[in-house]
């Protein structure tokens, strides 16, 4: 296992040291939530489009 990364300079000493690994972990969580939100929005959009097509099946055929 690799040794932990050194703390980022400039922070105040305290109970929590902000390392590069913590920054990567936060970025991974953010990107995961972003992808999940995008996929959910895409699914909702597809479902709305399918419902609209099912409600009016002769819309494209003309009258």
N, C-alpha and C. Protein backbone atom coordinates (compact mmCIF):
# COMPACT_ATOMS: atom_id res chain seq x y z
N UNK A 1 0.84 -1.17 0.00
CA UNK A 1 0.00 0.00 0.00
C UNK A 1 0.89 1.24 0.00
N UNK A 2 0.46 2.26 -0.72
CA UNK A 2 1.26 3.48 -0.81
C UNK A 2 1.09 4.31 0.46
N UNK A 3 2.10 5.05 0.84
CA UNK A 3 1.98 5.89 2.03
C UNK A 3 1.03 7.06 1.75
N UNK A 4 0.40 7.61 2.78
CA UNK A 4 -0.52 8.72 2.55
C UNK A 4 0.21 9.94 2.02
N UNK A 5 -0.52 10.74 1.26
CA UNK A 5 0.07 11.95 0.67
C UNK A 5 0.27 13.00 1.75
N UNK A 6 1.19 13.89 1.49
CA UNK A 6 1.46 14.98 2.44
C UNK A 6 0.33 15.99 2.40
N UNK A 7 0.03 16.63 3.52
CA UNK A 7 -1.04 17.65 3.52
C UNK A 7 -0.71 18.81 2.59
N UNK A 8 -1.75 19.42 2.05
CA UNK A 8 -1.58 20.57 1.18
C UNK A 8 -1.18 21.77 2.03
N UNK A 9 -0.19 22.51 1.56
CA UNK A 9 0.33 23.65 2.32
C UNK A 9 -0.69 24.78 2.36
N UNK A 10 -0.64 25.58 3.40
CA UNK A 10 -1.46 26.76 3.50
C UNK A 10 -2.70 26.59 4.36
N UNK A 11 -3.01 25.39 4.76
CA UNK A 11 -4.19 25.18 5.59
C UNK A 11 -3.85 25.34 7.06
N UNK A 12 -4.87 25.59 7.84
CA UNK A 12 -4.66 25.71 9.28
C UNK A 12 -4.57 24.31 9.88
N UNK A 13 -3.67 24.12 10.82
CA UNK A 13 -3.60 22.81 11.46
C UNK A 13 -4.85 22.57 12.30
N UNK A 14 -5.35 21.38 12.27
CA UNK A 14 -6.56 21.06 13.02
C UNK A 14 -6.78 19.57 13.05
N UNK A 15 -8.00 19.18 13.27
CA UNK A 15 -8.32 17.76 13.35
C UNK A 15 -8.31 17.10 11.97
N UNK A 16 -8.56 17.88 10.94
CA UNK A 16 -8.69 17.32 9.60
C UNK A 16 -7.62 17.91 8.69
N UNK A 17 -6.81 17.05 8.10
CA UNK A 17 -5.81 17.52 7.14
C UNK A 17 -6.32 17.24 5.73
N UNK A 18 -6.36 18.26 4.93
CA UNK A 18 -6.87 18.17 3.56
C UNK A 18 -5.75 17.69 2.65
N UNK A 19 -5.78 16.43 2.28
CA UNK A 19 -4.75 15.86 1.42
C UNK A 19 -5.27 15.75 -0.01
N UNK A 20 -4.37 15.38 -0.90
CA UNK A 20 -4.76 15.19 -2.30
C UNK A 20 -5.76 14.05 -2.43
N UNK A 21 -5.62 13.04 -1.58
CA UNK A 21 -6.56 11.91 -1.64
C UNK A 21 -7.97 12.34 -1.27
N UNK A 22 -8.07 13.24 -0.30
CA UNK A 22 -9.39 13.75 0.09
C UNK A 22 -9.99 14.56 -1.06
N UNK A 23 -9.18 15.36 -1.72
CA UNK A 23 -9.66 16.15 -2.85
C UNK A 23 -10.15 15.23 -3.98
N UNK A 24 -9.42 14.17 -4.25
CA UNK A 24 -9.84 13.22 -5.28
C UNK A 24 -11.13 12.51 -4.88
N UNK A 25 -11.26 12.19 -3.62
CA UNK A 25 -12.47 11.53 -3.14
C UNK A 25 -13.68 12.44 -3.29
N UNK A 26 -13.53 13.70 -2.94
CA UNK A 26 -14.62 14.67 -3.09
C UNK A 26 -14.97 14.86 -4.56
N UNK A 27 -13.97 14.94 -5.42
CA UNK A 27 -14.21 15.08 -6.85
C UNK A 27 -14.93 13.84 -7.41
N UNK A 28 -14.56 12.67 -6.93
CA UNK A 28 -15.20 11.44 -7.39
C UNK A 28 -16.67 11.41 -6.99
N UNK A 29 -16.96 11.83 -5.77
CA UNK A 29 -18.36 11.88 -5.32
C UNK A 29 -19.15 12.87 -6.17
N UNK A 30 -18.58 14.05 -6.41
CA UNK A 30 -19.25 15.07 -7.21
C UNK A 30 -19.53 14.57 -8.63
N UNK A 31 -18.54 13.96 -9.26
CA UNK A 31 -18.73 13.48 -10.63
C UNK A 31 -19.73 12.33 -10.68
N UNK A 32 -19.72 11.48 -9.67
CA UNK A 32 -20.69 10.39 -9.62
C UNK A 32 -22.11 10.93 -9.53
N UNK A 33 -22.32 11.91 -8.65
CA UNK A 33 -23.65 12.52 -8.54
C UNK A 33 -24.06 13.22 -9.83
N UNK A 34 -23.11 13.84 -10.49
CA UNK A 34 -23.39 14.51 -11.76
C UNK A 34 -23.84 13.51 -12.82
N UNK A 35 -23.16 12.39 -12.92
CA UNK A 35 -23.51 11.36 -13.91
C UNK A 35 -24.86 10.74 -13.58
N UNK A 36 -25.10 10.45 -12.30
CA UNK A 36 -26.39 9.87 -11.91
C UNK A 36 -27.53 10.84 -12.22
N UNK A 37 -27.33 12.11 -11.95
CA UNK A 37 -28.35 13.11 -12.25
C UNK A 37 -28.61 13.22 -13.74
N UNK A 38 -27.56 13.17 -14.54
CA UNK A 38 -27.71 13.25 -16.00
C UNK A 38 -28.49 12.04 -16.52
N UNK A 39 -28.15 10.86 -16.06
CA UNK A 39 -28.83 9.64 -16.51
C UNK A 39 -30.29 9.66 -16.08
N UNK A 40 -30.56 10.12 -14.85
CA UNK A 40 -31.95 10.20 -14.39
C UNK A 40 -32.75 11.19 -15.24
N UNK A 41 -32.16 12.33 -15.56
CA UNK A 41 -32.85 13.31 -16.41
C UNK A 41 -33.09 12.75 -17.81
N UNK A 42 -32.15 11.99 -18.31
CA UNK A 42 -32.31 11.38 -19.63
C UNK A 42 -33.44 10.35 -19.62
N UNK A 43 -33.52 9.55 -18.57
CA UNK A 43 -34.58 8.55 -18.46
C UNK A 43 -35.94 9.23 -18.37
N UNK A 44 -36.05 10.28 -17.57
CA UNK A 44 -37.31 11.01 -17.44
C UNK A 44 -37.71 11.62 -18.78
N UNK A 45 -36.75 12.17 -19.51
CA UNK A 45 -37.04 12.76 -20.81
C UNK A 45 -37.55 11.71 -21.80
N UNK A 46 -36.93 10.55 -21.80
CA UNK A 46 -37.35 9.47 -22.70
C UNK A 46 -38.74 8.99 -22.33
N UNK A 47 -39.02 8.86 -21.02
CA UNK A 47 -40.34 8.40 -20.60
C UNK A 47 -41.42 9.40 -20.99
N UNK A 48 -41.15 10.70 -20.86
CA UNK A 48 -42.14 11.71 -21.26
C UNK A 48 -42.40 11.65 -22.77
N UNK A 49 -41.34 11.46 -23.54
CA UNK A 49 -41.50 11.39 -24.98
C UNK A 49 -42.31 10.15 -25.37
N UNK A 50 -42.04 9.02 -24.72
CA UNK A 50 -42.78 7.80 -25.02
C UNK A 50 -44.25 7.93 -24.63
N UNK A 51 -44.52 8.56 -23.50
CA UNK A 51 -45.92 8.77 -23.09
C UNK A 51 -46.65 9.66 -24.09
N UNK A 52 -45.97 10.70 -24.54
CA UNK A 52 -46.58 11.58 -25.53
C UNK A 52 -46.88 10.86 -26.82
N UNK A 53 -45.99 9.99 -27.24
CA UNK A 53 -46.21 9.24 -28.47
C UNK A 53 -47.33 8.22 -28.29
N UNK A 54 -47.45 7.65 -27.10
CA UNK A 54 -48.50 6.66 -26.84
C UNK A 54 -49.87 7.32 -26.72
N UNK A 55 -49.92 8.54 -26.21
CA UNK A 55 -51.20 9.23 -26.05
C UNK A 55 -51.80 9.64 -27.40
N UNK A 56 -50.99 9.97 -28.36
CA UNK A 56 -51.48 10.43 -29.66
C UNK A 56 -50.79 9.63 -30.77
N UNK A 57 -51.24 8.40 -31.01
CA UNK A 57 -50.53 7.55 -31.98
C UNK A 57 -50.68 8.01 -33.43
N UNK A 58 -51.74 8.76 -33.76
CA UNK A 58 -51.95 9.16 -35.15
C UNK A 58 -51.47 10.57 -35.43
N UNK A 59 -50.70 11.13 -34.55
CA UNK A 59 -50.24 12.51 -34.72
C UNK A 59 -49.35 12.64 -35.96
N UNK A 60 -48.50 11.66 -36.20
CA UNK A 60 -47.57 11.73 -37.32
C UNK A 60 -48.22 11.35 -38.65
N UNK A 61 -49.37 10.65 -38.62
CA UNK A 61 -49.98 10.18 -39.85
C UNK A 61 -50.79 11.26 -40.56
N UNK A 62 -51.21 12.25 -39.88
CA UNK A 62 -52.03 13.29 -40.49
C UNK A 62 -53.51 12.96 -40.37
N UNK A 63 -54.36 13.91 -40.74
CA UNK A 63 -55.80 13.69 -40.60
C UNK A 63 -56.49 13.69 -41.93
